Amino acid sequence: MAHAIKARKELSRFIEEYWFYSPSNPDAHILYPDGTFNIIIAKSAWRIGINAKYPPGIYFIPLIKQPFTIQSSEQIIGIRYKAFSLRNVMKNDY
């Protein structure tokens, strides 16, 4: 399971948080379709979902339509990046 640190806007006001996946916890990290992009920094091979396996590197995960699980045998660093912001239409304040 991952833990997250809220961004203080030191790099960009669009960075929401930094998250860290640790393989010591048996649970996978789940990316939800929440309107954010994710940047993944992996030092070793990692998996997204059941079948897709990727080599070490830096990856840009675009907006997704369904939840995805991430697993690895090493730590993964992630950045949740909100590229744009839509008005909250649920408040009906337009």
N, C-alpha and C. Protein backbone atom coordinates (compact mmCIF):
# COMPACT_ATOMS: atom_id res chain seq x y z
N MET A 1 0.85 -1.18 0.00
CA MET A 1 0.00 0.00 0.00
C MET A 1 0.88 1.23 0.00
N ALA A 2 0.43 2.29 -0.54
CA ALA A 2 1.22 3.51 -0.65
C ALA A 2 0.81 4.51 0.43
N HIS A 3 1.71 5.40 0.75
CA HIS A 3 1.34 6.53 1.58
C HIS A 3 1.61 7.79 0.76
N ALA A 4 0.93 8.86 1.09
CA ALA A 4 1.01 10.07 0.28
C ALA A 4 1.40 11.27 1.13
N ILE A 5 2.03 12.22 0.47
CA ILE A 5 2.40 13.50 1.09
C ILE A 5 1.78 14.60 0.24
N LYS A 6 0.98 15.43 0.87
CA LYS A 6 0.34 16.54 0.17
C LYS A 6 1.40 17.50 -0.35
N ALA A 7 1.28 17.92 -1.60
CA ALA A 7 2.24 18.84 -2.20
C ALA A 7 2.05 20.25 -1.63
N ARG A 8 3.17 20.96 -1.46
CA ARG A 8 3.12 22.34 -0.95
C ARG A 8 3.26 23.35 -2.07
N LYS A 9 3.08 22.92 -3.30
CA LYS A 9 3.15 23.78 -4.48
C LYS A 9 4.55 24.33 -4.71
N GLU A 10 5.58 23.59 -4.26
CA GLU A 10 6.95 24.06 -4.46
C GLU A 10 7.39 23.94 -5.92
N LEU A 11 6.83 22.98 -6.66
CA LEU A 11 7.18 22.83 -8.07
C LEU A 11 6.11 23.40 -8.98
N SER A 12 4.87 23.11 -8.67
CA SER A 12 3.76 23.55 -9.50
C SER A 12 2.49 23.51 -8.68
N ARG A 13 1.59 24.40 -8.96
CA ARG A 13 0.31 24.38 -8.25
C ARG A 13 -0.58 23.24 -8.73
N PHE A 14 -0.16 22.55 -9.79
CA PHE A 14 -0.94 21.44 -10.33
C PHE A 14 -0.55 20.09 -9.72
N ILE A 15 0.52 20.03 -8.94
CA ILE A 15 0.89 18.77 -8.28
C ILE A 15 0.05 18.63 -7.02
N GLU A 16 -0.74 17.57 -6.97
CA GLU A 16 -1.61 17.35 -5.82
C GLU A 16 -0.89 16.68 -4.67
N GLU A 17 -0.16 15.61 -4.98
CA GLU A 17 0.53 14.90 -3.92
C GLU A 17 1.62 14.01 -4.51
N TYR A 18 2.51 13.59 -3.63
CA TYR A 18 3.53 12.60 -3.96
C TYR A 18 3.13 11.33 -3.23
N TRP A 19 3.20 10.20 -3.88
CA TRP A 19 2.88 8.95 -3.20
C TRP A 19 4.03 7.98 -3.35
N PHE A 20 4.13 7.08 -2.39
CA PHE A 20 5.25 6.14 -2.32
C PHE A 20 4.69 4.74 -2.11
N TYR A 21 4.99 3.86 -3.04
CA TYR A 21 4.59 2.46 -2.93
C TYR A 21 5.72 1.70 -2.27
N SER A 22 5.39 0.92 -1.27
CA SER A 22 6.39 0.10 -0.58
C SER A 22 6.03 -1.37 -0.73
N PRO A 23 6.96 -2.20 -1.21
CA PRO A 23 6.65 -3.62 -1.38
C PRO A 23 6.53 -4.38 -0.06
N SER A 24 6.90 -3.77 1.05
CA SER A 24 6.80 -4.44 2.34
C SER A 24 5.35 -4.64 2.76
N ASN A 25 4.45 -3.85 2.19
CA ASN A 25 3.03 -4.01 2.45
C ASN A 25 2.44 -4.87 1.34
N PRO A 26 1.75 -5.94 1.66
CA PRO A 26 1.29 -6.87 0.62
C PRO A 26 0.20 -6.32 -0.30
N ASP A 27 -0.45 -5.24 0.08
CA ASP A 27 -1.50 -4.67 -0.77
C ASP A 27 -0.90 -3.90 -1.93
N ALA A 28 -1.60 -3.90 -3.04
CA ALA A 28 -1.18 -3.12 -4.20
C ALA A 28 -1.69 -1.69 -4.04
N HIS A 29 -1.02 -0.76 -4.71
CA HIS A 29 -1.50 0.62 -4.76
C HIS A 29 -2.53 0.69 -5.87
N ILE A 30 -3.61 1.40 -5.66
CA ILE A 30 -4.67 1.50 -6.65
C ILE A 30 -4.73 2.92 -7.18
N LEU A 31 -4.69 3.06 -8.50
CA LEU A 31 -4.92 4.34 -9.15
C LEU A 31 -6.39 4.39 -9.53
N TYR A 32 -7.09 5.42 -9.07
CA TYR A 32 -8.51 5.57 -9.36
C TYR A 32 -8.71 6.59 -10.47
N PRO A 33 -9.79 6.47 -11.24
CA PRO A 33 -10.08 7.46 -12.28
C PRO A 33 -10.62 8.74 -11.64
N ASP A 34 -9.72 9.62 -11.23
CA ASP A 34 -10.11 10.82 -10.48
C ASP A 34 -9.75 12.12 -11.19
N GLY A 35 -9.47 12.05 -12.49
CA GLY A 35 -9.17 13.26 -13.25
C GLY A 35 -7.75 13.74 -13.09
N THR A 36 -6.86 12.90 -12.61
CA THR A 36 -5.46 13.28 -12.48
C THR A 36 -4.59 12.38 -13.35
N PHE A 37 -3.42 12.92 -13.70
CA PHE A 37 -2.39 12.14 -14.35
C PHE A 37 -1.46 11.63 -13.26
N ASN A 38 -0.70 10.60 -13.52
CA ASN A 38 0.30 10.11 -12.58
C ASN A 38 1.63 9.97 -13.29
N ILE A 39 2.67 10.38 -12.63
CA ILE A 39 4.03 10.16 -13.10
C ILE A 39 4.61 9.11 -12.16
N ILE A 40 5.11 8.02 -12.73
CA ILE A 40 5.64 6.91 -11.94
C ILE A 40 7.14 6.79 -12.17
N ILE A 41 7.88 6.72 -11.08
CA ILE A 41 9.34 6.54 -11.13
C ILE A 41 9.62 5.19 -10.49
N ALA A 42 10.06 4.22 -11.31
CA ALA A 42 10.28 2.85 -10.84
C ALA A 42 11.74 2.46 -11.05
N LYS A 43 12.38 1.95 -9.99
CA LYS A 43 13.77 1.50 -10.07
C LYS A 43 13.90 0.07 -10.56
N SER A 44 12.80 -0.66 -10.55
CA SER A 44 12.82 -2.05 -11.01
C SER A 44 11.52 -2.32 -11.78
N ALA A 45 11.40 -3.52 -12.32
CA ALA A 45 10.20 -3.87 -13.07
C ALA A 45 8.97 -3.73 -12.18
N TRP A 46 7.87 -3.35 -12.78
CA TRP A 46 6.64 -3.16 -12.03
C TRP A 46 5.46 -3.59 -12.90
N ARG A 47 4.33 -3.78 -12.25
CA ARG A 47 3.11 -4.23 -12.94
C ARG A 47 2.00 -3.23 -12.74
N ILE A 48 1.19 -3.11 -13.78
CA ILE A 48 -0.07 -2.37 -13.66
C ILE A 48 -1.15 -3.35 -14.11
N GLY A 49 -2.08 -3.61 -13.24
CA GLY A 49 -3.07 -4.64 -13.53
C GLY A 49 -2.46 -6.02 -13.36
N ILE A 50 -3.04 -6.99 -14.02
CA ILE A 50 -2.58 -8.37 -13.89
C ILE A 50 -1.52 -8.71 -14.93
N ASN A 51 -1.70 -8.27 -16.16
CA ASN A 51 -0.85 -8.73 -17.25
C ASN A 51 0.27 -7.78 -17.67
N ALA A 52 0.07 -6.50 -17.57
CA ALA A 52 1.04 -5.54 -18.10
C ALA A 52 2.24 -5.40 -17.16
N LYS A 53 3.43 -5.70 -17.67
CA LYS A 53 4.67 -5.58 -16.90
C LYS A 53 5.59 -4.62 -17.63
N TYR A 54 6.21 -3.70 -16.88
CA TYR A 54 7.05 -2.66 -17.47
C TYR A 54 8.45 -2.68 -16.85
N PRO A 55 9.47 -2.34 -17.63
CA PRO A 55 10.82 -2.27 -17.09
C PRO A 55 11.01 -1.00 -16.26
N PRO A 56 12.14 -0.88 -15.54
CA PRO A 56 12.41 0.32 -14.76
C PRO A 56 12.39 1.57 -15.65
N GLY A 57 11.98 2.68 -15.07
CA GLY A 57 11.96 3.93 -15.83
C GLY A 57 10.99 4.93 -15.23
N ILE A 58 10.77 6.00 -15.99
CA ILE A 58 9.82 7.04 -15.62
C ILE A 58 8.67 6.97 -16.61
N TYR A 59 7.45 6.90 -16.09
CA TYR A 59 6.28 6.71 -16.92
C TYR A 59 5.24 7.78 -16.64
N PHE A 60 4.55 8.18 -17.68
CA PHE A 60 3.45 9.12 -17.58
C PHE A 60 2.16 8.33 -17.79
N ILE A 61 1.32 8.28 -16.76
CA ILE A 61 0.05 7.55 -16.84
C ILE A 61 -1.05 8.58 -17.10
N PRO A 62 -1.70 8.50 -18.26
CA PRO A 62 -2.74 9.50 -18.59
C PRO A 62 -4.00 9.29 -17.78
N LEU A 63 -5.01 10.09 -18.06
CA LEU A 63 -6.31 9.92 -17.41
C LEU A 63 -6.81 8.51 -17.69
N ILE A 64 -7.38 7.88 -16.68
CA ILE A 64 -7.84 6.50 -16.83
C ILE A 64 -9.35 6.44 -16.64
N LYS A 65 -9.96 5.37 -17.17
CA LYS A 65 -11.41 5.18 -17.07
C LYS A 65 -11.80 4.18 -16.00
N GLN A 66 -10.85 3.37 -15.55
CA GLN A 66 -11.14 2.35 -14.55
C GLN A 66 -9.97 2.25 -13.59
N PRO A 67 -10.19 1.74 -12.38
CA PRO A 67 -9.08 1.60 -11.42
C PRO A 67 -8.03 0.61 -11.91
N PHE A 68 -6.77 0.90 -11.61
CA PHE A 68 -5.65 0.01 -11.92
C PHE A 68 -4.85 -0.23 -10.66
N THR A 69 -4.36 -1.44 -10.49
CA THR A 69 -3.48 -1.74 -9.37
C THR A 69 -2.04 -1.69 -9.84
N ILE A 70 -1.15 -1.26 -8.95
CA ILE A 70 0.28 -1.20 -9.23
C ILE A 70 0.99 -2.06 -8.21
N GLN A 71 1.92 -2.88 -8.67
CA GLN A 71 2.72 -3.72 -7.79
C GLN A 71 4.16 -3.76 -8.28
N SER A 72 5.08 -3.92 -7.34
CA SER A 72 6.50 -4.00 -7.67
C SER A 72 7.23 -4.68 -6.51
N SER A 73 8.41 -5.19 -6.82
CA SER A 73 9.24 -5.78 -5.77
C SER A 73 10.13 -4.72 -5.11
N GLU A 74 10.12 -3.51 -5.63
CA GLU A 74 10.90 -2.39 -5.09
C GLU A 74 9.98 -1.18 -4.90
N GLN A 75 10.51 -0.17 -4.23
CA GLN A 75 9.73 1.05 -4.00
C GLN A 75 9.45 1.78 -5.32
N ILE A 76 8.27 2.36 -5.41
CA ILE A 76 7.88 3.20 -6.54
C ILE A 76 7.51 4.57 -5.99
N ILE A 77 7.95 5.60 -6.67
CA ILE A 77 7.59 6.98 -6.32
C ILE A 77 6.60 7.47 -7.37
N GLY A 78 5.52 8.08 -6.92
CA GLY A 78 4.50 8.58 -7.84
C GLY A 78 4.18 10.03 -7.56
N ILE A 79 3.77 10.72 -8.60
CA ILE A 79 3.34 12.12 -8.48
C ILE A 79 1.96 12.22 -9.11
N ARG A 80 0.98 12.66 -8.32
CA ARG A 80 -0.36 12.93 -8.86
C ARG A 80 -0.37 14.35 -9.38
N TYR A 81 -0.69 14.48 -10.64
CA TYR A 81 -0.59 15.76 -11.32
C TYR A 81 -1.94 16.12 -11.92
N LYS A 82 -2.48 17.23 -11.49
CA LYS A 82 -3.76 17.68 -12.04
C LYS A 82 -3.45 18.71 -13.12
N ALA A 83 -3.63 18.31 -14.36
CA ALA A 83 -3.28 19.18 -15.48
C ALA A 83 -4.29 20.28 -15.72
N PHE A 84 -5.50 20.06 -15.29
CA PHE A 84 -6.54 21.07 -15.43
C PHE A 84 -7.55 20.86 -14.33
N SER A 85 -8.37 21.86 -14.11
CA SER A 85 -9.36 21.75 -13.05
C SER A 85 -10.71 22.15 -13.61
N LEU A 86 -11.69 21.32 -13.37
CA LEU A 86 -13.04 21.61 -13.81
C LEU A 86 -13.85 22.17 -12.65
N ARG A 87 -14.81 23.01 -12.95
CA ARG A 87 -15.67 23.55 -11.89
C ARG A 87 -16.45 22.43 -11.25
N ASN A 88 -16.71 22.57 -9.98
CA ASN A 88 -17.48 21.58 -9.26
C ASN A 88 -18.97 21.83 -9.56
N VAL A 89 -19.52 21.07 -10.49
CA VAL A 89 -20.91 21.27 -10.86
C VAL A 89 -21.87 20.66 -9.86
N MET A 90 -21.37 19.85 -8.94
CA MET A 90 -22.24 19.27 -7.93
C MET A 90 -22.74 20.30 -6.93
N LYS A 91 -22.02 21.40 -6.77
CA LYS A 91 -22.46 22.45 -5.84
C LYS A 91 -23.51 23.37 -6.47
N ASN A 92 -23.68 23.27 -7.78
CA ASN A 92 -24.62 24.12 -8.51
C ASN A 92 -24.35 25.61 -8.27
N ASP A 93 -23.09 26.00 -8.31
CA ASP A 93 -22.75 27.41 -8.07
C ASP A 93 -22.33 28.11 -9.37
N TYR A 94 -22.99 27.84 -10.45
CA TYR A 94 -22.64 28.48 -11.71
C TYR A 94 -23.58 29.54 -12.12
